[in-house]
């Protein structure tokens, strides 16, 4: 179940709630009982690493309209 972050406009507290995606835009009450909350925009990022210490493969040269000279 996804976790959503909220901030209370009355006390400034930030909190998270686990709820189904279908309820993601439903109002959320502050843990202190306040009702004036706003859903925060959260991001999720991942980091991947190449195996074996090898350098990443270089990007292919040429080809396509942005590098192959087909625009004109």
PDB file of N, CA and C in Angstrom:
ATOM      1  N   UNK A   1       0.846  -1.167   0.000  1.00  0.00           N
ATOM      2  CA  UNK A   1       0.000   0.000   0.000  1.00  0.00           C
ATOM      3  C   UNK A   1       0.902   1.245   0.000  1.00  0.00           C
ATOM      4  N   UNK A   2       0.639   2.214  -0.862  1.00  0.00           N
ATOM      5  CA  UNK A   2       1.489   3.401  -0.942  1.00  0.00           C
ATOM      6  C   UNK A   2       1.378   4.278   0.302  1.00  0.00           C
ATOM      7  N   UNK A   3       2.441   5.009   0.548  1.00  0.00           N
ATOM      8  CA  UNK A   3       2.497   5.955   1.656  1.00  0.00           C
ATOM      9  C   UNK A   3       2.452   7.371   1.084  1.00  0.00           C
ATOM     10  N   UNK A   4       1.617   8.224   1.664  1.00  0.00           N
ATOM     11  CA  UNK A   4       1.464   9.600   1.211  1.00  0.00           C
ATOM     12  C   UNK A   4       1.830  10.540   2.350  1.00  0.00           C
ATOM     13  N   UNK A   5       2.496  11.642   2.014  1.00  0.00           N
ATOM     14  CA  UNK A   5       2.920  12.629   3.011  1.00  0.00           C
ATOM     15  C   UNK A   5       1.953  13.806   2.998  1.00  0.00           C
ATOM     16  N   UNK A   6       1.670  14.318   4.188  1.00  0.00           N
ATOM     17  CA  UNK A   6       0.767  15.449   4.359  1.00  0.00           C
ATOM     18  C   UNK A   6       1.390  16.453   5.319  1.00  0.00           C
ATOM     19  N   UNK A   7       0.940  17.706   5.240  1.00  0.00           N
ATOM     20  CA  UNK A   7       1.359  18.743   6.186  1.00  0.00           C
ATOM     21  C   UNK A   7       0.119  19.434   6.721  1.00  0.00           C
ATOM     22  N   UNK A   8       0.092  19.635   8.018  1.00  0.00           N
ATOM     23  CA  UNK A   8      -1.014  20.330   8.667  1.00  0.00           C
ATOM     24  C   UNK A   8      -0.771  21.830   8.559  1.00  0.00           C
ATOM     25  N   UNK A   9      -1.748  22.558   8.069  1.00  0.00           N
ATOM     26  CA  UNK A   9      -1.620  24.009   7.933  1.00  0.00           C
ATOM     27  C   UNK A   9      -1.801  24.715   9.268  1.00  0.00           C
ATOM     28  N   UNK A  10      -2.417  24.056  10.235  1.00  0.00           N
ATOM     29  CA  UNK A  10      -2.646  24.692  11.536  1.00  0.00           C
ATOM     30  C   UNK A  10      -1.426  24.598  12.449  1.00  0.00           C
ATOM     31  N   UNK A  11      -0.824  23.403  12.553  1.00  0.00           N
ATOM     32  CA  UNK A  11       0.298  23.238  13.481  1.00  0.00           C
ATOM     33  C   UNK A  11       1.640  23.052  12.770  1.00  0.00           C
ATOM     34  N   UNK A  12       1.634  22.851  11.445  1.00  0.00           N
ATOM     35  CA  UNK A  12       2.874  22.705  10.695  1.00  0.00           C
ATOM     36  C   UNK A  12       3.474  21.312  10.735  1.00  0.00           C
ATOM     37  N   UNK A  13       2.829  20.380  11.410  1.00  0.00           N
ATOM     38  CA  UNK A  13       3.341  19.015  11.508  1.00  0.00           C
ATOM     39  C   UNK A  13       3.248  18.323  10.150  1.00  0.00           C
ATOM     40  N   UNK A  14       4.238  17.498   9.831  1.00  0.00           N
ATOM     41  CA  UNK A  14       4.171  16.663   8.633  1.00  0.00           C
ATOM     42  C   UNK A  14       4.010  15.220   9.084  1.00  0.00           C
ATOM     43  N   UNK A  15       3.238  14.463   8.332  1.00  0.00           N
ATOM     44  CA  UNK A  15       2.971  13.075   8.691  1.00  0.00           C
ATOM     45  C   UNK A  15       2.704  12.272   7.434  1.00  0.00           C
ATOM     46  N   UNK A  16       2.779  10.960   7.569  1.00  0.00           N
ATOM     47  CA  UNK A  16       2.540  10.050   6.453  1.00  0.00           C
ATOM     48  C   UNK A  16       1.366   9.149   6.777  1.00  0.00           C
ATOM     49  N   UNK A  17       0.675   8.751   5.724  1.00  0.00           N
ATOM     50  CA  UNK A  17      -0.432   7.805   5.862  1.00  0.00           C
ATOM     51  C   UNK A  17      -0.305   6.747   4.784  1.00  0.00           C
ATOM     52  N   UNK A  18      -0.518   5.497   5.160  1.00  0.00           N
ATOM     53  CA  UNK A  18      -0.597   4.407   4.192  1.00  0.00           C
ATOM     54  C   UNK A  18      -2.062   4.247   3.834  1.00  0.00           C
ATOM     55  N   UNK A  19      -2.353   4.386   2.536  1.00  0.00           N
ATOM     56  CA  UNK A  19      -3.733   4.236   2.091  1.00  0.00           C
ATOM     57  C   UNK A  19      -3.745   3.782   0.651  1.00  0.00           C
ATOM     58  N   UNK A  20      -4.858   3.177   0.214  1.00  0.00           N
ATOM     59  CA  UNK A  20      -4.944   2.730  -1.181  1.00  0.00           C
ATOM     60  C   UNK A  20      -4.863   3.905  -2.144  1.00  0.00           C
ATOM     61  N   UNK A  21      -4.406   3.656  -3.354  1.00  0.00           N
ATOM     62  CA  UNK A  21      -4.290   4.707  -4.361  1.00  0.00           C
ATOM     63  C   UNK A  21      -5.644   5.366  -4.634  1.00  0.00           C
ATOM     64  N   UNK A  22      -6.718   4.605  -4.544  1.00  0.00           N
ATOM     65  CA  UNK A  22      -8.055   5.146  -4.785  1.00  0.00           C
ATOM     66  C   UNK A  22      -8.423   6.227  -3.767  1.00  0.00           C
ATOM     67  N   UNK A  23      -7.762   6.230  -2.607  1.00  0.00           N
ATOM     68  CA  UNK A  23      -8.051   7.211  -1.557  1.00  0.00           C
ATOM     69  C   UNK A  23      -6.955   8.268  -1.444  1.00  0.00           C
ATOM     70  N   UNK A  24      -6.058   8.345  -2.424  1.00  0.00           N
ATOM     71  CA  UNK A  24      -4.909   9.244  -2.324  1.00  0.00           C
ATOM     72  C   UNK A  24      -5.303  10.712  -2.230  1.00  0.00           C
ATOM     73  N   UNK A  25      -6.407  11.111  -2.813  1.00  0.00           N
ATOM     74  CA  UNK A  25      -6.791  12.523  -2.756  1.00  0.00           C
ATOM     75  C   UNK A  25      -7.883  12.792  -1.722  1.00  0.00           C
ATOM     76  N   UNK A  26      -8.232  11.795  -0.930  1.00  0.00           N
ATOM     77  CA  UNK A  26      -9.211  11.998   0.140  1.00  0.00           C
ATOM     78  C   UNK A  26      -8.585  12.846   1.252  1.00  0.00           C
ATOM     79  N   UNK A  27      -9.390  13.644   1.955  1.00  0.00           N
ATOM     80  CA  UNK A  27      -8.847  14.459   3.053  1.00  0.00           C
ATOM     81  C   UNK A  27      -8.183  13.587   4.116  1.00  0.00           C
ATOM     82  N   UNK A  28      -7.145  14.120   4.738  1.00  0.00           N
ATOM     83  CA  UNK A  28      -6.426  13.414   5.800  1.00  0.00           C
ATOM     84  C   UNK A  28      -6.377  14.313   7.028  1.00  0.00           C
ATOM     85  N   UNK A  29      -6.752  13.782   8.166  1.00  0.00           N
ATOM     86  CA  UNK A  29      -6.716  14.559   9.407  1.00  0.00           C
ATOM     87  C   UNK A  29      -5.336  14.483  10.031  1.00  0.00           C
ATOM     88  N   UNK A  30      -4.890  15.583  10.579  1.00  0.00           N
ATOM     89  CA  UNK A  30      -3.618  15.668  11.308  1.00  0.00           C
ATOM     90  C   UNK A  30      -3.691  14.761  12.536  1.00  0.00           C
ATOM     91  N   UNK A  31      -2.565  14.150  12.936  1.00  0.00           N
ATOM     92  CA  UNK A  31      -2.571  13.324  14.148  1.00  0.00           C
ATOM     93  C   UNK A  31      -3.005  14.098  15.393  1.00  0.00           C
ATOM     94  N   UNK A  32      -2.852  15.441  15.372  1.00  0.00           N
ATOM     95  CA  UNK A  32      -3.283  16.264  16.501  1.00  0.00           C
ATOM     96  C   UNK A  32      -4.771  16.606  16.408  1.00  0.00           C
ATOM     97  N   UNK A  33      -5.443  16.127  15.349  1.00  0.00           N
ATOM     98  CA  UNK A  33      -6.876  16.344  15.227  1.00  0.00           C
ATOM     99  C   UNK A  33      -7.282  17.496  14.331  1.00  0.00           C
ATOM    100  N   UNK A  34      -6.342  18.206  13.755  1.00  0.00           N
ATOM    101  CA  UNK A  34      -6.667  19.304  12.854  1.00  0.00           C
ATOM    102  C   UNK A  34      -7.110  18.763  11.501  1.00  0.00           C
ATOM    103  N   UNK A  35      -7.994  19.477  10.830  1.00  0.00           N
ATOM    104  CA  UNK A  35      -8.515  19.010   9.557  1.00  0.00           C
ATOM    105  C   UNK A  35      -7.955  19.723   8.344  1.00  0.00           C
ATOM    106  N   UNK A  36      -7.239  20.835   8.556  1.00  0.00           N
ATOM    107  CA  UNK A  36      -6.730  21.621   7.431  1.00  0.00           C
ATOM    108  C   UNK A  36      -5.341  21.126   7.046  1.00  0.00           C
ATOM    109  N   UNK A  37      -5.311  20.093   6.187  1.00  0.00           N
ATOM    110  CA  UNK A  37      -4.039  19.507   5.765  1.00  0.00           C
ATOM    111  C   UNK A  37      -3.911  19.588   4.258  1.00  0.00           C
ATOM    112  N   UNK A  38      -2.680  19.458   3.792  1.00  0.00           N
ATOM    113  CA  UNK A  38      -2.393  19.466   2.360  1.00  0.00           C
ATOM    114  C   UNK A  38      -1.477  18.290   2.051  1.00  0.00           C
ATOM    115  N   UNK A  39      -1.765  17.620   0.934  1.00  0.00           N
ATOM    116  CA  UNK A  39      -0.937  16.494   0.501  1.00  0.00           C
ATOM    117  C   UNK A  39       0.343  17.047  -0.110  1.00  0.00           C
ATOM    118  N   UNK A  40       1.483  16.497   0.284  1.00  0.00           N
ATOM    119  CA  UNK A  40       2.775  16.949  -0.212  1.00  0.00           C
ATOM    120  C   UNK A  40       3.182  16.148  -1.439  1.00  0.00           C
ATOM    121  N   UNK A  41       3.896  16.791  -2.314  1.00  0.00           N
ATOM    122  CA  UNK A  41       4.443  16.108  -3.479  1.00  0.00           C
ATOM    123  C   UNK A  41       5.710  15.387  -3.033  1.00  0.00           C
ATOM    124  N   UNK A  42       5.738  14.096  -3.220  1.00  0.00           N
ATOM    125  CA  UNK A  42       6.912  13.320  -2.843  1.00  0.00           C
ATOM    126  C   UNK A  42       7.516  12.704  -4.092  1.00  0.00           C
ATOM    127  N   UNK A  43       8.795  12.452  -4.022  1.00  0.00           N
ATOM    128  CA  UNK A  43       9.483  11.830  -5.146  1.00  0.00           C
ATOM    129  C   UNK A  43      10.123  10.539  -4.682  1.00  0.00           C
ATOM    130  N   UNK A  44      10.329   9.675  -5.617  1.00  0.00           N
ATOM    131  CA  UNK A  44      10.968   8.400  -5.336  1.00  0.00           C
ATOM    132  C   UNK A  44      12.088   8.241  -6.337  1.00  0.00           C
ATOM    133  N   UNK A  45      13.267   8.013  -5.862  1.00  0.00           N
ATOM    134  CA  UNK A  45      14.402   7.849  -6.765  1.00  0.00           C
ATOM    135  C   UNK A  45      15.157   6.584  -6.437  1.00  0.00           C
ATOM    136  N   UNK A  46      15.792   6.040  -7.432  1.00  0.00           N
ATOM    137  CA  UNK A  46      16.617   4.857  -7.224  1.00  0.00           C
ATOM    138  C   UNK A  46      17.987   5.101  -7.826  1.00  0.00           C
ATOM    139  N   UNK A  47      18.938   4.408  -7.301  1.00  0.00           N
ATOM    140  CA  UNK A  47      20.297   4.485  -7.810  1.00  0.00           C
ATOM    141  C   UNK A  47      20.703   3.073  -8.189  1.00  0.00           C
ATOM    142  N   UNK A  48      21.201   2.924  -9.398  1.00  0.00           N
ATOM    143  CA  UNK A  48      21.696   1.625  -9.815  1.00  0.00           C
ATOM    144  C   UNK A  48      23.181   1.746 -10.093  1.00  0.00           C
ATOM    145  N   UNK A  49      23.864   0.686  -9.880  1.00  0.00           N
ATOM    146  CA  UNK A  49      25.308   0.680 -10.111  1.00  0.00           C
ATOM    147  C   UNK A  49      25.639  -0.433 -11.090  1.00  0.00           C
ATOM    148  N   UNK A  50      26.578  -0.143 -11.947  1.00  0.00           N
ATOM    149  CA  UNK A  50      27.041  -1.171 -12.878  1.00  0.00           C
ATOM    150  C   UNK A  50      27.817  -2.230 -12.121  1.00  0.00           C
ATOM    151  N   UNK A  51      27.827  -3.417 -12.622  1.00  0.00           N
ATOM    152  CA  UNK A  51      28.532  -4.501 -11.943  1.00  0.00           C
ATOM    153  C   UNK A  51      29.987  -4.582 -12.366  1.00  0.00           C
ATOM    154  N   UNK A  52      30.830  -5.082 -11.493  1.00  0.00           N
ATOM    155  CA  UNK A  52      32.214  -5.388 -11.804  1.00  0.00           C
ATOM    156  C   UNK A  52      33.135  -4.189 -11.949  1.00  0.00           C
ATOM    157  N   UNK A  53      32.698  -3.017 -11.575  1.00  0.00           N
ATOM    158  CA  UNK A  53      33.569  -1.857 -11.657  1.00  0.00           C
ATOM    159  C   UNK A  53      33.806  -1.355 -13.059  1.00  0.00           C
ATOM    160  N   UNK A  54      33.118  -1.897 -14.041  1.00  0.00           N
ATOM    161  CA  UNK A  54      33.315  -1.466 -15.429  1.00  0.00           C
ATOM    162  C   UNK A  54      32.631  -0.122 -15.658  1.00  0.00           C
ATOM    163  N   UNK A  55      33.175   0.632 -16.572  1.00  0.00           N
ATOM    164  CA  UNK A  55      32.575   1.908 -16.939  1.00  0.00           C
ATOM    165  C   UNK A  55      31.316   1.650 -17.739  1.00  0.00           C
ATOM    166  N   UNK A  56      30.320   2.569 -17.650  1.00  0.00           N
ATOM    167  CA  UNK A  56      29.118   2.383 -18.452  1.00  0.00           C
ATOM    168  C   UNK A  56      29.450   2.462 -19.932  1.00  0.00           C
ATOM    169  N   UNK A  57      28.674   1.769 -20.732  1.00  0.00           N
ATOM    170  CA  UNK A  57      28.884   1.765 -22.177  1.00  0.00           C
ATOM    171  C   UNK A  57      28.613   3.158 -22.734  1.00  0.00           C
ATOM    172  N   UNK A  58      29.428   3.611 -23.692  1.00  0.00           N
ATOM    173  CA  UNK A  58      29.187   4.932 -24.267  1.00  0.00           C
ATOM    174  C   UNK A  58      27.902   4.941 -25.079  1.00  0.00           C
ATOM    175  N   UNK A  59      27.289   6.108 -25.182  1.00  0.00           N
ATOM    176  CA  UNK A  59      26.073   6.257 -25.967  1.00  0.00           C
ATOM    177  C   UNK A  59      26.407   6.048 -27.434  1.00  0.00           C
ATOM    178  N   UNK A  60      25.515   5.432 -28.183  1.00  0.00           N
ATOM    179  CA  UNK A  60      25.780   5.227 -29.601  1.00  0.00           C
ATOM    180  C   UNK A  60      25.865   6.557 -30.334  1.00  0.00           C
ATOM    181  N   UNK A  61      26.794   6.643 -31.291  1.00  0.00           N
ATOM    182  CA  UNK A  61      26.968   7.870 -32.062  1.00  0.00           C
ATOM    183  C   UNK A  61      26.146   7.809 -33.329  1.00  0.00           C
ATOM    184  N   UNK A  62      25.682   8.978 -33.777  1.00  0.00           N
ATOM    185  CA  UNK A  62      24.942   9.056 -35.028  1.00  0.00           C
ATOM    186  C   UNK A  62      23.579   8.419 -34.929  1.00  0.00           C
ATOM    187  N   UNK A  63      22.910   8.345 -36.064  1.00  0.00           N
ATOM    188  CA  UNK A  63      21.599   7.720 -36.097  1.00  0.00           C
ATOM    189  C   UNK A  63      20.522   8.642 -35.560  1.00  0.00           C
ATOM    190  N   UNK A  64      19.344   8.471 -36.031  1.00  0.00           N
ATOM    191  CA  UNK A  64      18.233   9.292 -35.573  1.00  0.00           C
ATOM    192  C   UNK A  64      18.354  10.710 -36.073  1.00  0.00           C
ATOM    193  N   UNK A  65      17.324  11.454 -35.936  1.00  0.00           N
ATOM    194  CA  UNK A  65      17.308  12.808 -36.468  1.00  0.00           C
ATOM    195  C   UNK A  65      18.197  13.743 -35.663  1.00  0.00           C
ATOM    196  N   UNK A  66      18.422  13.459 -34.407  1.00  0.00           N
ATOM    197  CA  UNK A  66      19.180  14.389 -33.575  1.00  0.00           C
ATOM    198  C   UNK A  66      20.687  14.260 -33.733  1.00  0.00           C
ATOM    199  N   UNK A  67      21.162  13.248 -34.415  1.00  0.00           N
ATOM    200  CA  UNK A  67      22.593  13.108 -34.536  1.00  0.00           C
ATOM    201  C   UNK A  67      23.038  12.609 -35.894  1.00  0.00           C
ATOM    202  N   UNK A  68      22.104  12.185 -36.708  1.00  0.00           N
ATOM    203  CA  UNK A  68      22.470  11.588 -37.975  1.00  0.00           C
ATOM    204  C   UNK A  68      22.409  12.516 -39.168  1.00  0.00           C
ATOM    205  N   UNK A  69      22.060  13.761 -38.950  1.00  0.00           N
ATOM    206  CA  UNK A  69      22.044  14.722 -40.027  1.00  0.00           C
ATOM    207  C   UNK A  69      20.881  14.559 -40.999  1.00  0.00           C
ATOM    208  N   UNK A  70      19.776  13.936 -40.566  1.00  0.00           N
ATOM    209  CA  UNK A  70      18.648  13.750 -41.482  1.00  0.00           C
ATOM    210  C   UNK A  70      17.756  14.964 -41.553  1.00  0.00           C
ATOM    211  N   UNK A  71      17.887  15.890 -40.630  1.00  0.00           N
ATOM    212  CA  UNK A  71      17.065  17.112 -40.651  1.00  0.00           C
ATOM    213  C   UNK A  71      17.728  18.124 -41.586  1.00  0.00           C
ATOM    214  N   UNK A  72      16.958  18.844 -42.264  1.00  0.00           N
ATOM    215  CA  UNK A  72      17.692  19.797 -43.046  1.00  0.00           C
ATOM    216  C   UNK A  72      16.884  20.658 -43.867  1.00  0.00           C
TER     217      UNK A  72
END
